[in-house]
N, C-alpha and C. Protein backbone atom coordinates (compact mmCIF):
# COMPACT_ATOMS: atom_id res chain seq x y z
N UNK A 1 0.85 -1.17 0.00
CA UNK A 1 0.00 0.00 0.00
C UNK A 1 0.89 1.23 0.00
N UNK A 2 0.46 2.23 -0.76
CA UNK A 2 1.22 3.47 -0.85
C UNK A 2 1.25 4.21 0.48
N UNK A 3 2.39 4.82 0.74
CA UNK A 3 2.52 5.66 1.93
C UNK A 3 1.77 6.96 1.69
N UNK A 4 1.02 7.46 2.68
CA UNK A 4 0.30 8.73 2.49
C UNK A 4 1.26 9.88 2.23
N UNK A 5 0.82 10.80 1.39
CA UNK A 5 1.59 12.00 1.09
C UNK A 5 0.97 13.17 1.83
N UNK A 6 1.79 14.15 2.14
CA UNK A 6 1.31 15.33 2.87
C UNK A 6 1.08 16.47 1.89
N UNK A 7 0.00 17.22 2.15
CA UNK A 7 -0.29 18.41 1.36
C UNK A 7 -0.84 19.47 2.31
N UNK A 8 -0.48 20.72 2.07
CA UNK A 8 -1.02 21.84 2.85
C UNK A 8 -1.89 22.66 1.92
N UNK A 9 -3.17 22.80 2.30
CA UNK A 9 -4.14 23.55 1.49
C UNK A 9 -4.71 24.66 2.35
N UNK A 10 -4.50 25.88 1.93
CA UNK A 10 -5.01 27.05 2.65
C UNK A 10 -4.63 27.01 4.13
N UNK A 11 -3.38 26.62 4.40
CA UNK A 11 -2.85 26.61 5.76
C UNK A 11 -3.18 25.38 6.59
N UNK A 12 -3.94 24.43 6.05
CA UNK A 12 -4.28 23.21 6.78
C UNK A 12 -3.53 22.02 6.18
N UNK A 13 -3.02 21.16 7.06
CA UNK A 13 -2.29 19.98 6.62
C UNK A 13 -3.23 18.79 6.45
N UNK A 14 -2.99 18.03 5.39
CA UNK A 14 -3.75 16.82 5.11
C UNK A 14 -2.79 15.72 4.67
N UNK A 15 -3.14 14.48 4.95
CA UNK A 15 -2.45 13.33 4.39
C UNK A 15 -3.39 12.74 3.34
N UNK A 16 -2.84 12.29 2.21
CA UNK A 16 -3.68 11.74 1.16
C UNK A 16 -2.97 10.59 0.45
N UNK A 17 -3.79 9.70 -0.11
CA UNK A 17 -3.30 8.64 -0.97
C UNK A 17 -4.48 8.09 -1.75
N UNK A 18 -4.17 7.43 -2.82
CA UNK A 18 -5.24 6.80 -3.58
C UNK A 18 -4.86 5.35 -3.83
N UNK A 19 -5.88 4.55 -4.05
CA UNK A 19 -5.68 3.14 -4.35
C UNK A 19 -6.57 2.78 -5.54
N UNK A 20 -6.19 1.75 -6.24
CA UNK A 20 -7.00 1.23 -7.35
C UNK A 20 -7.47 -0.16 -6.96
N UNK A 21 -8.71 -0.43 -7.27
CA UNK A 21 -9.27 -1.75 -6.99
C UNK A 21 -10.45 -2.01 -7.90
N UNK A 22 -11.24 -3.01 -7.53
CA UNK A 22 -12.40 -3.39 -8.33
C UNK A 22 -13.58 -3.64 -7.43
N UNK A 23 -14.75 -3.22 -7.88
CA UNK A 23 -16.00 -3.44 -7.17
C UNK A 23 -16.95 -4.09 -8.16
N UNK A 24 -17.29 -5.34 -7.90
CA UNK A 24 -18.15 -6.10 -8.82
C UNK A 24 -17.61 -6.10 -10.24
N UNK A 25 -16.28 -6.23 -10.36
CA UNK A 25 -15.64 -6.30 -11.67
C UNK A 25 -15.44 -4.97 -12.37
N UNK A 26 -15.78 -3.86 -11.71
CA UNK A 26 -15.63 -2.53 -12.30
C UNK A 26 -14.47 -1.81 -11.63
N UNK A 27 -13.64 -1.15 -12.43
CA UNK A 27 -12.49 -0.42 -11.88
C UNK A 27 -12.95 0.71 -10.97
N UNK A 28 -12.19 0.88 -9.89
CA UNK A 28 -12.49 1.94 -8.93
C UNK A 28 -11.19 2.52 -8.40
N UNK A 29 -11.07 3.83 -8.42
CA UNK A 29 -9.99 4.51 -7.72
C UNK A 29 -10.59 5.16 -6.49
N UNK A 30 -9.90 5.05 -5.37
CA UNK A 30 -10.38 5.65 -4.12
C UNK A 30 -9.31 6.59 -3.61
N UNK A 31 -9.69 7.84 -3.45
CA UNK A 31 -8.81 8.87 -2.91
C UNK A 31 -9.19 9.07 -1.45
N UNK A 32 -8.24 8.90 -0.55
CA UNK A 32 -8.48 9.06 0.89
C UNK A 32 -7.70 10.27 1.37
N UNK A 33 -8.42 11.20 2.01
CA UNK A 33 -7.80 12.43 2.51
C UNK A 33 -8.08 12.51 4.00
N UNK A 34 -7.03 12.65 4.78
CA UNK A 34 -7.14 12.68 6.23
C UNK A 34 -6.63 14.01 6.77
N UNK A 35 -7.52 14.81 7.35
CA UNK A 35 -7.07 16.06 7.97
C UNK A 35 -6.45 15.77 9.32
N UNK A 36 -5.86 16.78 9.92
CA UNK A 36 -5.28 16.60 11.26
C UNK A 36 -6.35 16.24 12.28
N UNK A 37 -7.57 16.76 12.10
CA UNK A 37 -8.68 16.39 12.97
C UNK A 37 -9.96 16.42 12.14
N UNK A 38 -10.99 15.75 12.63
CA UNK A 38 -12.26 15.71 11.92
C UNK A 38 -12.39 14.46 11.08
N UNK A 39 -13.41 14.46 10.26
CA UNK A 39 -13.74 13.30 9.44
C UNK A 39 -12.77 13.16 8.26
N UNK A 40 -12.54 11.93 7.86
CA UNK A 40 -11.75 11.66 6.66
C UNK A 40 -12.64 11.78 5.44
N UNK A 41 -12.05 12.19 4.32
CA UNK A 41 -12.78 12.30 3.08
C UNK A 41 -12.41 11.11 2.20
N UNK A 42 -13.42 10.41 1.72
CA UNK A 42 -13.22 9.30 0.78
C UNK A 42 -13.89 9.72 -0.52
N UNK A 43 -13.09 9.82 -1.56
CA UNK A 43 -13.60 10.23 -2.87
C UNK A 43 -13.50 9.00 -3.77
N UNK A 44 -14.65 8.50 -4.20
CA UNK A 44 -14.70 7.28 -4.99
C UNK A 44 -14.92 7.59 -6.47
N UNK A 45 -14.07 7.01 -7.30
CA UNK A 45 -14.18 7.14 -8.75
C UNK A 45 -14.47 5.74 -9.29
N UNK A 46 -15.74 5.43 -9.49
CA UNK A 46 -16.17 4.12 -9.98
C UNK A 46 -16.46 4.25 -11.47
N UNK A 47 -15.69 3.54 -12.29
CA UNK A 47 -15.83 3.65 -13.74
C UNK A 47 -17.27 3.37 -14.18
N UNK A 48 -17.76 4.23 -15.04
CA UNK A 48 -19.13 4.10 -15.54
C UNK A 48 -19.44 5.27 -16.46
N UNK A 49 -20.71 5.66 -16.49
CA UNK A 49 -21.14 6.73 -17.39
C UNK A 49 -20.53 8.09 -17.06
N UNK A 50 -20.24 8.37 -15.79
CA UNK A 50 -19.74 9.68 -15.38
C UNK A 50 -18.25 9.85 -15.65
N UNK A 51 -17.53 8.77 -15.87
CA UNK A 51 -16.09 8.83 -16.10
C UNK A 51 -15.48 7.46 -15.95
N UNK A 52 -14.17 7.38 -16.15
CA UNK A 52 -13.50 6.09 -16.00
C UNK A 52 -12.08 6.29 -15.50
N UNK A 53 -11.56 5.23 -14.90
CA UNK A 53 -10.15 5.22 -14.51
C UNK A 53 -9.36 4.71 -15.71
N UNK A 54 -8.08 5.04 -15.78
CA UNK A 54 -7.29 4.61 -16.94
C UNK A 54 -6.27 3.54 -16.59
N UNK A 55 -6.28 3.04 -15.36
CA UNK A 55 -5.35 1.99 -14.98
C UNK A 55 -5.55 0.78 -15.88
N UNK A 56 -4.47 0.30 -16.50
CA UNK A 56 -4.55 -0.88 -17.35
C UNK A 56 -5.17 -0.62 -18.71
N UNK A 57 -5.31 0.63 -19.11
CA UNK A 57 -5.97 0.96 -20.37
C UNK A 57 -5.01 1.08 -21.55
N UNK A 58 -3.81 0.55 -21.44
CA UNK A 58 -2.88 0.62 -22.56
C UNK A 58 -2.16 1.95 -22.63
N UNK A 59 -1.77 2.35 -23.83
CA UNK A 59 -0.99 3.57 -24.01
C UNK A 59 -1.77 4.76 -23.47
N UNK A 60 -1.14 5.53 -22.62
CA UNK A 60 -1.77 6.69 -22.02
C UNK A 60 -2.47 6.38 -20.71
N UNK A 61 -2.76 5.12 -20.46
CA UNK A 61 -3.39 4.74 -19.20
C UNK A 61 -2.34 4.62 -18.11
N UNK A 62 -2.70 5.00 -16.90
CA UNK A 62 -1.76 4.89 -15.79
C UNK A 62 -2.53 4.88 -14.48
N UNK A 63 -1.88 4.37 -13.45
CA UNK A 63 -2.48 4.35 -12.12
C UNK A 63 -2.71 5.79 -11.69
N UNK A 64 -3.92 6.10 -11.28
CA UNK A 64 -4.26 7.45 -10.86
C UNK A 64 -4.84 8.29 -11.98
N UNK A 65 -4.91 7.73 -13.19
CA UNK A 65 -5.45 8.46 -14.32
C UNK A 65 -6.97 8.35 -14.37
N UNK A 66 -7.62 9.46 -14.72
CA UNK A 66 -9.07 9.50 -14.83
C UNK A 66 -9.45 10.16 -16.15
N UNK A 67 -10.57 9.72 -16.72
CA UNK A 67 -11.16 10.39 -17.87
C UNK A 67 -12.54 10.85 -17.47
N UNK A 68 -12.77 12.16 -17.58
CA UNK A 68 -14.06 12.74 -17.22
C UNK A 68 -14.44 13.71 -18.33
N UNK A 69 -15.54 13.43 -19.01
CA UNK A 69 -16.01 14.32 -20.06
C UNK A 69 -14.98 14.56 -21.15
N UNK A 70 -14.21 13.53 -21.51
CA UNK A 70 -13.21 13.66 -22.55
C UNK A 70 -11.92 14.33 -22.12
N UNK A 71 -11.80 14.66 -20.83
CA UNK A 71 -10.58 15.28 -20.30
C UNK A 71 -9.85 14.31 -19.40
N UNK A 72 -8.53 14.40 -19.39
CA UNK A 72 -7.69 13.54 -18.56
C UNK A 72 -7.29 14.25 -17.28
N UNK A 73 -7.38 13.51 -16.19
CA UNK A 73 -6.99 14.01 -14.87
C UNK A 73 -5.99 13.03 -14.28
N UNK A 74 -5.14 13.52 -13.37
CA UNK A 74 -4.10 12.69 -12.80
C UNK A 74 -4.09 12.83 -11.28
N UNK A 75 -4.48 11.76 -10.59
CA UNK A 75 -4.51 11.79 -9.12
C UNK A 75 -3.11 11.79 -8.50
N UNK A 76 -2.07 11.75 -9.32
CA UNK A 76 -0.70 11.86 -8.82
C UNK A 76 -0.29 13.31 -8.62
N UNK A 77 -1.10 14.25 -9.11
CA UNK A 77 -0.76 15.67 -9.07
C UNK A 77 -1.32 16.34 -7.83
N UNK A 78 -0.47 16.84 -6.93
CA UNK A 78 -0.96 17.54 -5.74
C UNK A 78 -1.89 18.71 -6.04
N UNK A 79 -1.70 19.39 -7.16
CA UNK A 79 -2.57 20.52 -7.49
C UNK A 79 -4.01 20.04 -7.70
N UNK A 80 -4.20 18.85 -8.25
CA UNK A 80 -5.54 18.29 -8.41
C UNK A 80 -6.12 17.92 -7.05
N UNK A 81 -5.29 17.35 -6.18
CA UNK A 81 -5.75 16.97 -4.84
C UNK A 81 -6.21 18.23 -4.08
N UNK A 82 -5.45 19.30 -4.19
CA UNK A 82 -5.83 20.56 -3.52
C UNK A 82 -7.17 21.06 -4.05
N UNK A 83 -7.39 20.97 -5.36
CA UNK A 83 -8.68 21.40 -5.93
C UNK A 83 -9.82 20.53 -5.42
N UNK A 84 -9.60 19.24 -5.30
CA UNK A 84 -10.63 18.34 -4.79
C UNK A 84 -10.95 18.67 -3.33
N UNK A 85 -9.93 18.94 -2.53
CA UNK A 85 -10.16 19.31 -1.13
C UNK A 85 -11.00 20.58 -1.06
N UNK A 86 -10.62 21.60 -1.82
CA UNK A 86 -11.37 22.85 -1.81
C UNK A 86 -12.81 22.66 -2.29
N UNK A 87 -13.02 21.77 -3.26
CA UNK A 87 -14.37 21.51 -3.77
C UNK A 87 -15.23 20.77 -2.75
N UNK A 88 -14.61 19.94 -1.91
CA UNK A 88 -15.36 19.15 -0.93
C UNK A 88 -15.72 19.94 0.32
N UNK A 89 -14.97 20.97 0.62
CA UNK A 89 -15.22 21.73 1.85
C UNK A 89 -16.64 22.30 1.96
N UNK A 90 -17.21 22.90 0.92
CA UNK A 90 -18.57 23.45 1.05
C UNK A 90 -19.65 22.39 1.26
N UNK A 91 -19.34 21.14 1.01
CA UNK A 91 -20.33 20.07 1.16
C UNK A 91 -20.57 19.66 2.61
N UNK A 92 -19.81 20.25 3.53
CA UNK A 92 -20.00 19.94 4.95
C UNK A 92 -19.02 18.92 5.50
N UNK A 93 -18.06 18.54 4.69
CA UNK A 93 -17.10 17.52 5.13
C UNK A 93 -16.40 17.89 6.43
N UNK A 94 -15.85 19.07 6.54
CA UNK A 94 -15.05 19.43 7.71
C UNK A 94 -15.88 19.65 8.97
N UNK A 95 -17.19 19.83 8.82
CA UNK A 95 -18.03 20.01 10.00
C UNK A 95 -18.26 18.69 10.72
N UNK A 96 -18.09 17.60 10.01
CA UNK A 96 -18.29 16.29 10.61
C UNK A 96 -17.13 16.00 11.56
N UNK A 97 -17.44 15.54 12.75
CA UNK A 97 -16.41 15.31 13.76
C UNK A 97 -15.55 14.09 13.49
N UNK A 98 -16.16 12.99 13.09
CA UNK A 98 -15.44 11.71 12.94
C UNK A 98 -16.00 10.92 11.79
N UNK A 99 -15.38 9.77 11.57
CA UNK A 99 -15.87 8.85 10.55
C UNK A 99 -15.40 9.26 9.16
N UNK A 100 -16.10 8.75 8.18
CA UNK A 100 -15.77 9.02 6.79
C UNK A 100 -16.86 9.85 6.14
N UNK A 101 -16.45 10.77 5.32
CA UNK A 101 -17.36 11.55 4.50
C UNK A 101 -17.10 11.06 3.07
N UNK A 102 -18.05 10.39 2.45
CA UNK A 102 -17.85 9.75 1.16
C UNK A 102 -18.57 10.53 0.07
N UNK A 103 -17.86 10.80 -1.03
CA UNK A 103 -18.46 11.50 -2.16
C UNK A 103 -18.11 10.78 -3.47
N UNK A 104 -18.95 10.99 -4.47
CA UNK A 104 -18.71 10.49 -5.81
C UNK A 104 -17.71 11.43 -6.47
N UNK A 105 -16.53 10.93 -6.76
CA UNK A 105 -15.46 11.76 -7.29
C UNK A 105 -15.75 12.35 -8.65
N UNK A 106 -16.36 11.56 -9.55
CA UNK A 106 -16.66 12.08 -10.87
C UNK A 106 -17.64 13.24 -10.79
N UNK A 107 -18.66 13.12 -9.95
CA UNK A 107 -19.63 14.21 -9.77
C UNK A 107 -18.97 15.43 -9.13
N UNK A 108 -18.12 15.20 -8.13
CA UNK A 108 -17.45 16.31 -7.44
C UNK A 108 -16.60 17.11 -8.43
N UNK A 109 -15.80 16.42 -9.23
CA UNK A 109 -14.93 17.10 -10.20
C UNK A 109 -15.76 17.85 -11.23
N UNK A 110 -16.81 17.21 -11.75
CA UNK A 110 -17.66 17.83 -12.78
C UNK A 110 -18.43 19.02 -12.20
N UNK A 111 -19.09 18.82 -11.07
CA UNK A 111 -19.92 19.87 -10.48
C UNK A 111 -19.10 21.09 -10.06
N UNK A 112 -17.87 20.85 -9.60
CA UNK A 112 -17.02 21.95 -9.13
C UNK A 112 -16.29 22.64 -10.29
N UNK A 113 -16.38 22.08 -11.48
CA UNK A 113 -15.71 22.68 -12.63
C UNK A 113 -14.19 22.58 -12.54
N UNK A 114 -13.69 21.55 -11.87
CA UNK A 114 -12.24 21.37 -11.74
C UNK A 114 -11.64 21.09 -13.11
N UNK A 115 -10.59 21.80 -13.42
CA UNK A 115 -9.92 21.66 -14.72
C UNK A 115 -8.73 20.71 -14.60
N UNK A 116 -8.40 20.03 -15.70
CA UNK A 116 -7.21 19.17 -15.69
C UNK A 116 -5.96 20.00 -15.36
N UNK A 117 -4.99 19.36 -14.76
CA UNK A 117 -3.73 20.02 -14.38
C UNK A 117 -2.65 19.60 -15.36
N UNK A 118 -2.14 20.54 -16.09
CA UNK A 118 -1.07 20.22 -17.05
C UNK A 118 0.27 20.24 -16.38
């Protein structure tokens, strides 16, 4: 399992990592973000109509790669992780004291208008 990476967003420290797996035979990337206190954020990217992961997809595919609306995103890029954190904050994630706050990653990225990071 990957070691969590540290990121500071707007003065707050977070640990994050993503994993790739399968749910009922469908590819899934899971981004886990842990703040210093409060609830953890779990962002699930389950391949389907809203987008797909690119792990194992041949040329151009890579672990942490996503396709959303014809655009490529890379979960290896801290700038994308920071945008996801900022997009999740208004949803009430940080107000939760404990446990996991789970969101659909494809919807979060699309609804927040997050742009690919070059």
